[in-house]
Amino acid sequence: MDPLTAGALIAAVNAAVSGAGGEAGRRALDGLSALARRVLRRGATDPGADPAGDPGADPAADPTADAEPVTIPYDDPERLRRLAELLVERARQDPELGRDLAAWLNRYGAPAEEHGTVHNSVSGDARITGPVIQGRDFHGPISFGPQ
């Protein structure tokens, strides 16, 4: 499981939106929305709310609106980052929320990998009839010699 960090939450949200998509992605976002609603209901300010403090500027900004879902701002990187930071901060203060958020991340987050890791493969029914180069960060010319 990824450590409980804002970056891990953001990566999981991005994976849910782009990779899982469909029903699985919707369930992932709904689950995180429920956790965010718990935090906001306790009196936290929605990180996506209008900076002027107008709670009417965003339907997710009303922490008392239990019936209203909290919209995860997956299409706004700055709001998503602030929401993720708020959730992680509150999870450190509230062990129950921390367990629930870690369980969500365990279920929907991708395993942590070393920064810059590249996985090259040729598999399945691939039929290679010439040279193949796999790697990362090539610099300079690449030559296979005379053909």
N, C-alpha and C. Protein backbone atom coordinates (compact mmCIF):
# COMPACT_ATOMS: atom_id res chain seq x y z
N MET A 1 0.84 -1.19 0.00
CA MET A 1 0.00 0.00 0.00
C MET A 1 0.88 1.24 0.00
N ASP A 2 0.46 2.25 -0.72
CA ASP A 2 1.17 3.52 -0.72
C ASP A 2 1.08 4.15 0.66
N PRO A 3 2.11 4.93 1.01
CA PRO A 3 1.97 5.70 2.24
C PRO A 3 0.85 6.71 2.05
N LEU A 4 0.24 7.10 3.15
CA LEU A 4 -0.87 8.04 3.09
C LEU A 4 -0.31 9.44 2.88
N THR A 5 -0.26 9.83 1.62
CA THR A 5 0.24 11.16 1.25
C THR A 5 -0.72 11.78 0.25
N ALA A 6 -0.62 13.10 0.15
CA ALA A 6 -1.45 13.80 -0.84
C ALA A 6 -1.11 13.32 -2.24
N GLY A 7 0.16 13.10 -2.51
CA GLY A 7 0.57 12.63 -3.83
C GLY A 7 -0.02 11.28 -4.18
N ALA A 8 -0.06 10.38 -3.20
CA ALA A 8 -0.64 9.05 -3.44
C ALA A 8 -2.14 9.16 -3.71
N LEU A 9 -2.83 10.05 -2.97
CA LEU A 9 -4.27 10.25 -3.21
C LEU A 9 -4.52 10.83 -4.60
N ILE A 10 -3.72 11.80 -4.98
CA ILE A 10 -3.88 12.42 -6.29
C ILE A 10 -3.65 11.38 -7.39
N ALA A 11 -2.61 10.58 -7.23
CA ALA A 11 -2.33 9.54 -8.23
C ALA A 11 -3.49 8.55 -8.33
N ALA A 12 -4.08 8.18 -7.18
CA ALA A 12 -5.20 7.25 -7.19
C ALA A 12 -6.42 7.87 -7.86
N VAL A 13 -6.67 9.14 -7.60
CA VAL A 13 -7.80 9.82 -8.25
C VAL A 13 -7.57 9.87 -9.75
N ASN A 14 -6.36 10.23 -10.16
CA ASN A 14 -6.06 10.30 -11.59
C ASN A 14 -6.21 8.93 -12.25
N ALA A 15 -5.79 7.88 -11.55
CA ALA A 15 -5.93 6.53 -12.10
C ALA A 15 -7.41 6.15 -12.21
N ALA A 16 -8.20 6.53 -11.21
CA ALA A 16 -9.63 6.22 -11.24
C ALA A 16 -10.31 6.92 -12.41
N VAL A 17 -9.92 8.14 -12.67
CA VAL A 17 -10.54 8.92 -13.73
C VAL A 17 -10.09 8.44 -15.11
N SER A 18 -8.80 8.18 -15.27
CA SER A 18 -8.30 7.85 -16.60
C SER A 18 -8.23 6.36 -16.86
N GLY A 19 -7.71 5.61 -15.92
CA GLY A 19 -7.49 4.19 -16.18
C GLY A 19 -8.71 3.33 -15.94
N ALA A 20 -9.25 3.40 -14.75
CA ALA A 20 -10.38 2.53 -14.41
C ALA A 20 -11.62 2.97 -15.15
N GLY A 21 -11.87 4.27 -15.12
CA GLY A 21 -13.04 4.81 -15.81
C GLY A 21 -14.31 4.05 -15.48
N GLY A 22 -15.35 4.31 -16.20
CA GLY A 22 -16.62 3.60 -16.05
C GLY A 22 -17.08 3.44 -14.62
N GLU A 23 -17.67 2.30 -14.36
CA GLU A 23 -18.27 2.02 -13.06
C GLU A 23 -17.21 1.95 -11.95
N ALA A 24 -16.07 1.32 -12.23
CA ALA A 24 -15.03 1.21 -11.21
C ALA A 24 -14.50 2.59 -10.81
N GLY A 25 -14.28 3.45 -11.79
CA GLY A 25 -13.82 4.80 -11.50
C GLY A 25 -14.85 5.60 -10.72
N ARG A 26 -16.12 5.43 -11.08
CA ARG A 26 -17.19 6.13 -10.37
C ARG A 26 -17.24 5.68 -8.91
N ARG A 27 -17.11 4.37 -8.67
CA ARG A 27 -17.12 3.86 -7.29
C ARG A 27 -15.94 4.41 -6.49
N ALA A 28 -14.77 4.50 -7.12
CA ALA A 28 -13.59 5.03 -6.45
C ALA A 28 -13.83 6.49 -6.05
N LEU A 29 -14.33 7.29 -6.98
CA LEU A 29 -14.58 8.70 -6.68
C LEU A 29 -15.70 8.87 -5.66
N ASP A 30 -16.73 8.03 -5.74
CA ASP A 30 -17.80 8.09 -4.74
C ASP A 30 -17.28 7.78 -3.34
N GLY A 31 -16.40 6.80 -3.25
CA GLY A 31 -15.82 6.45 -1.95
C GLY A 31 -15.00 7.58 -1.37
N LEU A 32 -14.18 8.21 -2.21
CA LEU A 32 -13.38 9.34 -1.73
C LEU A 32 -14.27 10.52 -1.40
N SER A 33 -15.33 10.70 -2.18
CA SER A 33 -16.29 11.78 -1.92
C SER A 33 -16.92 11.61 -0.53
N ALA A 34 -17.26 10.39 -0.18
CA ALA A 34 -17.85 10.13 1.15
C ALA A 34 -16.85 10.46 2.25
N LEU A 35 -15.59 10.12 2.05
CA LEU A 35 -14.57 10.45 3.06
C LEU A 35 -14.38 11.96 3.16
N ALA A 36 -14.36 12.64 2.02
CA ALA A 36 -14.21 14.10 2.02
C ALA A 36 -15.41 14.75 2.71
N ARG A 37 -16.59 14.21 2.48
CA ARG A 37 -17.80 14.76 3.11
C ARG A 37 -17.70 14.65 4.63
N ARG A 38 -17.14 13.54 5.12
CA ARG A 38 -16.97 13.38 6.58
C ARG A 38 -16.08 14.48 7.13
N VAL A 39 -15.02 14.81 6.42
CA VAL A 39 -14.09 15.85 6.87
C VAL A 39 -14.76 17.22 6.81
N LEU A 40 -15.41 17.50 5.70
CA LEU A 40 -16.03 18.82 5.52
C LEU A 40 -17.20 19.02 6.46
N ARG A 41 -17.92 17.97 6.78
CA ARG A 41 -19.06 18.05 7.70
C ARG A 41 -18.59 18.46 9.09
N ARG A 42 -17.35 18.15 9.41
CA ARG A 42 -16.82 18.48 10.74
C ARG A 42 -16.38 19.92 10.86
N GLY A 43 -16.65 20.71 9.83
CA GLY A 43 -16.38 22.14 9.94
C GLY A 43 -15.16 22.59 9.17
N ALA A 44 -14.54 21.71 8.39
CA ALA A 44 -13.40 22.14 7.59
C ALA A 44 -13.90 22.96 6.41
N THR A 45 -13.07 23.82 5.92
CA THR A 45 -13.41 24.61 4.74
C THR A 45 -13.02 23.80 3.51
N ASP A 46 -13.91 23.74 2.55
CA ASP A 46 -13.61 23.03 1.31
C ASP A 46 -12.46 23.73 0.62
N PRO A 47 -11.39 22.98 0.31
CA PRO A 47 -10.27 23.62 -0.35
C PRO A 47 -10.63 24.18 -1.71
N GLY A 48 -11.74 23.77 -2.26
CA GLY A 48 -12.13 24.27 -3.56
C GLY A 48 -13.06 25.46 -3.48
N ALA A 49 -13.40 25.90 -2.29
CA ALA A 49 -14.35 27.00 -2.15
C ALA A 49 -13.73 28.30 -2.65
N ASP A 50 -14.60 29.23 -2.93
CA ASP A 50 -14.18 30.54 -3.40
C ASP A 50 -13.25 31.17 -2.37
N PRO A 51 -12.08 31.70 -2.78
CA PRO A 51 -11.16 32.31 -1.83
C PRO A 51 -11.78 33.45 -1.03
N ALA A 52 -12.82 34.07 -1.56
CA ALA A 52 -13.47 35.15 -0.82
C ALA A 52 -14.30 34.62 0.34
N GLY A 53 -14.42 33.29 0.42
CA GLY A 53 -15.15 32.70 1.54
C GLY A 53 -16.63 32.54 1.28
N ASP A 54 -17.07 32.66 0.05
CA ASP A 54 -18.48 32.52 -0.26
C ASP A 54 -18.82 31.04 -0.41
N PRO A 55 -19.46 30.42 0.61
CA PRO A 55 -19.75 29.01 0.50
C PRO A 55 -20.75 28.69 -0.60
N GLY A 56 -21.45 29.67 -1.09
CA GLY A 56 -22.39 29.43 -2.17
C GLY A 56 -21.72 29.33 -3.53
N ALA A 57 -20.43 29.60 -3.59
CA ALA A 57 -19.73 29.58 -4.86
C ALA A 57 -19.52 28.16 -5.38
N ASP A 58 -19.56 27.18 -4.50
CA ASP A 58 -19.32 25.79 -4.89
C ASP A 58 -20.25 24.91 -4.07
N PRO A 59 -21.06 24.04 -4.68
CA PRO A 59 -21.97 23.20 -3.91
C PRO A 59 -21.23 22.32 -2.92
N ALA A 60 -19.97 21.99 -3.17
CA ALA A 60 -19.22 21.13 -2.25
C ALA A 60 -18.71 21.91 -1.04
N ALA A 61 -18.87 23.23 -1.02
CA ALA A 61 -18.30 24.03 0.05
C ALA A 61 -19.15 24.04 1.31
N ASP A 62 -20.36 23.55 1.28
CA ASP A 62 -21.23 23.56 2.46
C ASP A 62 -20.99 22.30 3.28
N PRO A 63 -20.25 22.41 4.42
CA PRO A 63 -19.92 21.23 5.20
C PRO A 63 -21.14 20.62 5.89
N THR A 64 -22.26 21.29 5.93
CA THR A 64 -23.44 20.74 6.58
C THR A 64 -24.34 20.00 5.62
N ALA A 65 -24.00 20.02 4.35
CA ALA A 65 -24.86 19.40 3.34
C ALA A 65 -24.55 17.91 3.24
N ASP A 66 -25.00 17.14 4.24
CA ASP A 66 -24.73 15.71 4.28
C ASP A 66 -25.28 15.00 3.06
N ALA A 67 -26.41 15.41 2.57
CA ALA A 67 -27.03 14.73 1.44
C ALA A 67 -26.34 15.08 0.12
N GLU A 68 -25.68 16.22 0.09
CA GLU A 68 -25.02 16.65 -1.13
C GLU A 68 -23.66 15.97 -1.23
N PRO A 69 -23.37 15.36 -2.37
CA PRO A 69 -22.05 14.76 -2.52
C PRO A 69 -20.97 15.83 -2.65
N VAL A 70 -19.77 15.50 -2.22
CA VAL A 70 -18.63 16.37 -2.41
C VAL A 70 -18.04 15.99 -3.77
N THR A 71 -17.96 16.92 -4.65
CA THR A 71 -17.41 16.66 -5.97
C THR A 71 -15.89 16.66 -5.87
N ILE A 72 -15.28 15.55 -6.26
CA ILE A 72 -13.83 15.48 -6.27
C ILE A 72 -13.34 16.25 -7.49
N PRO A 73 -12.52 17.30 -7.28
CA PRO A 73 -12.12 18.16 -8.40
C PRO A 73 -10.99 17.57 -9.22
N TYR A 74 -11.23 16.42 -9.84
CA TYR A 74 -10.18 15.73 -10.59
C TYR A 74 -9.69 16.52 -11.81
N ASP A 75 -10.50 17.45 -12.28
CA ASP A 75 -10.11 18.22 -13.46
C ASP A 75 -9.48 19.56 -13.10
N ASP A 76 -9.22 19.81 -11.82
CA ASP A 76 -8.58 21.04 -11.36
C ASP A 76 -7.43 20.64 -10.45
N PRO A 77 -6.20 20.56 -10.97
CA PRO A 77 -5.07 20.05 -10.18
C PRO A 77 -4.84 20.79 -8.86
N GLU A 78 -5.02 22.09 -8.85
CA GLU A 78 -4.76 22.86 -7.62
C GLU A 78 -5.80 22.53 -6.55
N ARG A 79 -7.07 22.49 -6.92
CA ARG A 79 -8.12 22.15 -5.95
C ARG A 79 -7.96 20.71 -5.47
N LEU A 80 -7.61 19.81 -6.38
CA LEU A 80 -7.41 18.41 -6.01
C LEU A 80 -6.26 18.29 -5.02
N ARG A 81 -5.17 19.00 -5.27
CA ARG A 81 -4.03 18.97 -4.36
C ARG A 81 -4.42 19.47 -2.97
N ARG A 82 -5.16 20.58 -2.92
CA ARG A 82 -5.57 21.13 -1.62
C ARG A 82 -6.51 20.19 -0.89
N LEU A 83 -7.43 19.56 -1.61
CA LEU A 83 -8.33 18.60 -0.99
C LEU A 83 -7.55 17.41 -0.46
N ALA A 84 -6.62 16.89 -1.25
CA ALA A 84 -5.81 15.75 -0.83
C ALA A 84 -4.99 16.09 0.41
N GLU A 85 -4.41 17.28 0.44
CA GLU A 85 -3.63 17.70 1.61
C GLU A 85 -4.52 17.81 2.85
N LEU A 86 -5.72 18.34 2.68
CA LEU A 86 -6.65 18.44 3.81
C LEU A 86 -7.03 17.05 4.32
N LEU A 87 -7.33 16.14 3.41
CA LEU A 87 -7.71 14.79 3.84
C LEU A 87 -6.57 14.10 4.59
N VAL A 88 -5.35 14.24 4.10
CA VAL A 88 -4.20 13.62 4.76
C VAL A 88 -3.97 14.25 6.14
N GLU A 89 -4.08 15.56 6.21
CA GLU A 89 -3.91 16.25 7.49
C GLU A 89 -4.95 15.78 8.51
N ARG A 90 -6.20 15.71 8.10
CA ARG A 90 -7.27 15.26 9.00
C ARG A 90 -7.11 13.78 9.36
N ALA A 91 -6.63 12.99 8.42
CA ALA A 91 -6.42 11.56 8.69
C ALA A 91 -5.35 11.36 9.75
N ARG A 92 -4.38 12.24 9.80
CA ARG A 92 -3.33 12.15 10.84
C ARG A 92 -3.89 12.52 12.21
N GLN A 93 -4.92 13.34 12.24
CA GLN A 93 -5.54 13.75 13.50
C GLN A 93 -6.63 12.79 13.96
N ASP A 94 -7.24 12.07 13.04
CA ASP A 94 -8.38 11.20 13.33
C ASP A 94 -8.04 9.78 12.87
N PRO A 95 -7.69 8.89 13.82
CA PRO A 95 -7.27 7.53 13.45
C PRO A 95 -8.32 6.76 12.65
N GLU A 96 -9.60 6.96 12.95
CA GLU A 96 -10.64 6.25 12.20
C GLU A 96 -10.65 6.70 10.74
N LEU A 97 -10.59 8.01 10.52
CA LEU A 97 -10.53 8.53 9.17
C LEU A 97 -9.25 8.04 8.50
N GLY A 98 -8.15 8.03 9.23
CA GLY A 98 -6.88 7.55 8.68
C GLY A 98 -6.98 6.11 8.20
N ARG A 99 -7.62 5.25 8.98
CA ARG A 99 -7.81 3.85 8.57
C ARG A 99 -8.69 3.76 7.33
N ASP A 100 -9.77 4.54 7.31
CA ASP A 100 -10.68 4.51 6.17
C ASP A 100 -10.02 5.04 4.90
N LEU A 101 -9.25 6.11 5.04
CA LEU A 101 -8.56 6.68 3.89
C LEU A 101 -7.47 5.73 3.39
N ALA A 102 -6.75 5.10 4.32
CA ALA A 102 -5.73 4.11 3.93
C ALA A 102 -6.38 2.92 3.23
N ALA A 103 -7.54 2.49 3.70
CA ALA A 103 -8.25 1.38 3.05
C ALA A 103 -8.67 1.78 1.65
N TRP A 104 -9.15 3.02 1.48
CA TRP A 104 -9.53 3.50 0.15
C TRP A 104 -8.31 3.49 -0.76
N LEU A 105 -7.20 4.00 -0.26
CA LEU A 105 -5.98 4.06 -1.06
C LEU A 105 -5.48 2.66 -1.39
N ASN A 106 -5.59 1.75 -0.43
CA ASN A 106 -5.17 0.37 -0.67
C ASN A 106 -6.02 -0.27 -1.78
N ARG A 107 -7.30 0.07 -1.80
CA ARG A 107 -8.21 -0.52 -2.78
C ARG A 107 -8.07 0.11 -4.16
N TYR A 108 -7.93 1.43 -4.21
CA TYR A 108 -7.96 2.12 -5.49
C TYR A 108 -6.61 2.69 -5.94
N GLY A 109 -5.65 2.78 -5.03
CA GLY A 109 -4.35 3.34 -5.39
C GLY A 109 -3.48 2.34 -6.11
N ALA A 110 -2.62 2.83 -6.96
CA ALA A 110 -1.66 1.96 -7.64
C ALA A 110 -0.47 1.76 -6.72
N PRO A 111 0.18 0.62 -6.78
CA PRO A 111 1.36 0.40 -5.95
C PRO A 111 2.42 1.46 -6.22
N ALA A 112 3.10 1.86 -5.17
CA ALA A 112 4.17 2.84 -5.33
C ALA A 112 5.31 2.22 -6.10
N GLU A 113 5.89 2.99 -6.98
CA GLU A 113 7.05 2.52 -7.73
C GLU A 113 8.14 3.54 -7.59
N GLU A 114 9.34 3.09 -7.82
CA GLU A 114 10.48 3.99 -7.79
C GLU A 114 10.27 5.07 -8.83
N HIS A 115 10.61 6.30 -8.48
CA HIS A 115 10.44 7.41 -9.40
C HIS A 115 11.21 7.14 -10.69
N GLY A 116 10.53 7.26 -11.80
CA GLY A 116 11.18 7.08 -13.08
C GLY A 116 11.27 5.65 -13.54
N THR A 117 10.65 4.74 -12.84
CA THR A 117 10.70 3.34 -13.24
C THR A 117 10.05 3.16 -14.59
N VAL A 118 10.69 2.37 -15.43
CA VAL A 118 10.16 2.06 -16.75
C VAL A 118 10.05 0.56 -16.86
N HIS A 119 8.95 0.09 -17.37
CA HIS A 119 8.74 -1.34 -17.59
C HIS A 119 8.58 -1.55 -19.09
N ASN A 120 9.60 -2.09 -19.71
CA ASN A 120 9.56 -2.37 -21.14
C ASN A 120 9.28 -3.85 -21.33
N SER A 121 8.44 -4.17 -22.29
CA SER A 121 8.19 -5.59 -22.56
C SER A 121 7.68 -5.76 -23.98
N VAL A 122 7.92 -6.92 -24.49
CA VAL A 122 7.34 -7.36 -25.74
C VAL A 122 6.68 -8.68 -25.39
N SER A 123 5.38 -8.77 -25.56
CA SER A 123 4.72 -9.98 -25.07
C SER A 123 3.51 -10.31 -25.95
N GLY A 124 2.82 -11.33 -25.51
CA GLY A 124 1.62 -11.73 -26.23
C GLY A 124 1.97 -12.35 -27.57
N ASP A 125 1.25 -11.97 -28.58
CA ASP A 125 1.46 -12.52 -29.92
C ASP A 125 2.37 -11.63 -30.76
N ALA A 126 3.20 -10.83 -30.08
CA ALA A 126 4.09 -9.94 -30.81
C ALA A 126 5.06 -10.74 -31.68
N ARG A 127 5.26 -10.26 -32.87
CA ARG A 127 6.20 -10.92 -33.79
C ARG A 127 7.23 -9.87 -34.19
N ILE A 128 8.43 -10.05 -33.70
CA ILE A 128 9.49 -9.08 -33.93
C ILE A 128 10.29 -9.53 -35.16
N THR A 129 10.42 -8.66 -36.14
CA THR A 129 11.16 -9.01 -37.34
C THR A 129 12.39 -8.12 -37.54
N GLY A 130 12.68 -7.33 -36.56
CA GLY A 130 13.84 -6.44 -36.65
C GLY A 130 14.29 -6.03 -35.28
N PRO A 131 15.24 -5.14 -35.21
CA PRO A 131 15.75 -4.70 -33.91
C PRO A 131 14.68 -3.99 -33.08
N VAL A 132 14.82 -4.13 -31.78
CA VAL A 132 13.92 -3.47 -30.83
C VAL A 132 14.77 -2.76 -29.80
N ILE A 133 14.43 -1.53 -29.51
CA ILE A 133 15.11 -0.79 -28.45
C ILE A 133 14.07 -0.48 -27.39
N GLN A 134 14.40 -0.84 -26.19
CA GLN A 134 13.54 -0.49 -25.05
C GLN A 134 14.42 0.15 -24.00
N GLY A 135 13.90 1.16 -23.37
CA GLY A 135 14.69 1.82 -22.34
C GLY A 135 14.06 3.13 -21.96
N ARG A 136 14.91 3.99 -21.44
CA ARG A 136 14.44 5.29 -21.01
C ARG A 136 15.58 6.29 -21.11
N ASP A 137 15.23 7.52 -21.41
CA ASP A 137 16.20 8.63 -21.42
C ASP A 137 17.39 8.36 -22.33
N PHE A 138 17.14 8.02 -23.58
CA PHE A 138 18.22 7.84 -24.53
C PHE A 138 18.81 9.19 -24.89
N HIS A 139 20.13 9.22 -25.04
CA HIS A 139 20.82 10.45 -25.42
C HIS A 139 21.75 10.11 -26.58
N GLY A 140 21.68 10.88 -27.62
CA GLY A 140 22.57 10.65 -28.75
C GLY A 140 21.95 9.72 -29.77
N PRO A 141 22.67 9.52 -30.84
CA PRO A 141 22.13 8.70 -31.91
C PRO A 141 22.11 7.21 -31.54
N ILE A 142 21.22 6.50 -32.18
CA ILE A 142 21.13 5.05 -32.01
C ILE A 142 21.29 4.44 -33.38
N SER A 143 22.15 3.45 -33.49
CA SER A 143 22.40 2.83 -34.77
C SER A 143 22.45 1.32 -34.62
N PHE A 144 21.90 0.62 -35.60
CA PHE A 144 21.97 -0.85 -35.63
C PHE A 144 23.00 -1.31 -36.66
N GLY A 145 23.71 -0.38 -37.25
CA GLY A 145 24.69 -0.74 -38.27
C GLY A 145 24.03 -0.91 -39.61
N PRO A 146 24.79 -1.42 -40.58
CA PRO A 146 24.21 -1.59 -41.91
C PRO A 146 23.10 -2.62 -41.91
N GLN A 147 22.08 -2.36 -42.69
CA GLN A 147 20.92 -3.26 -42.74
C GLN A 147 20.99 -4.15 -43.93
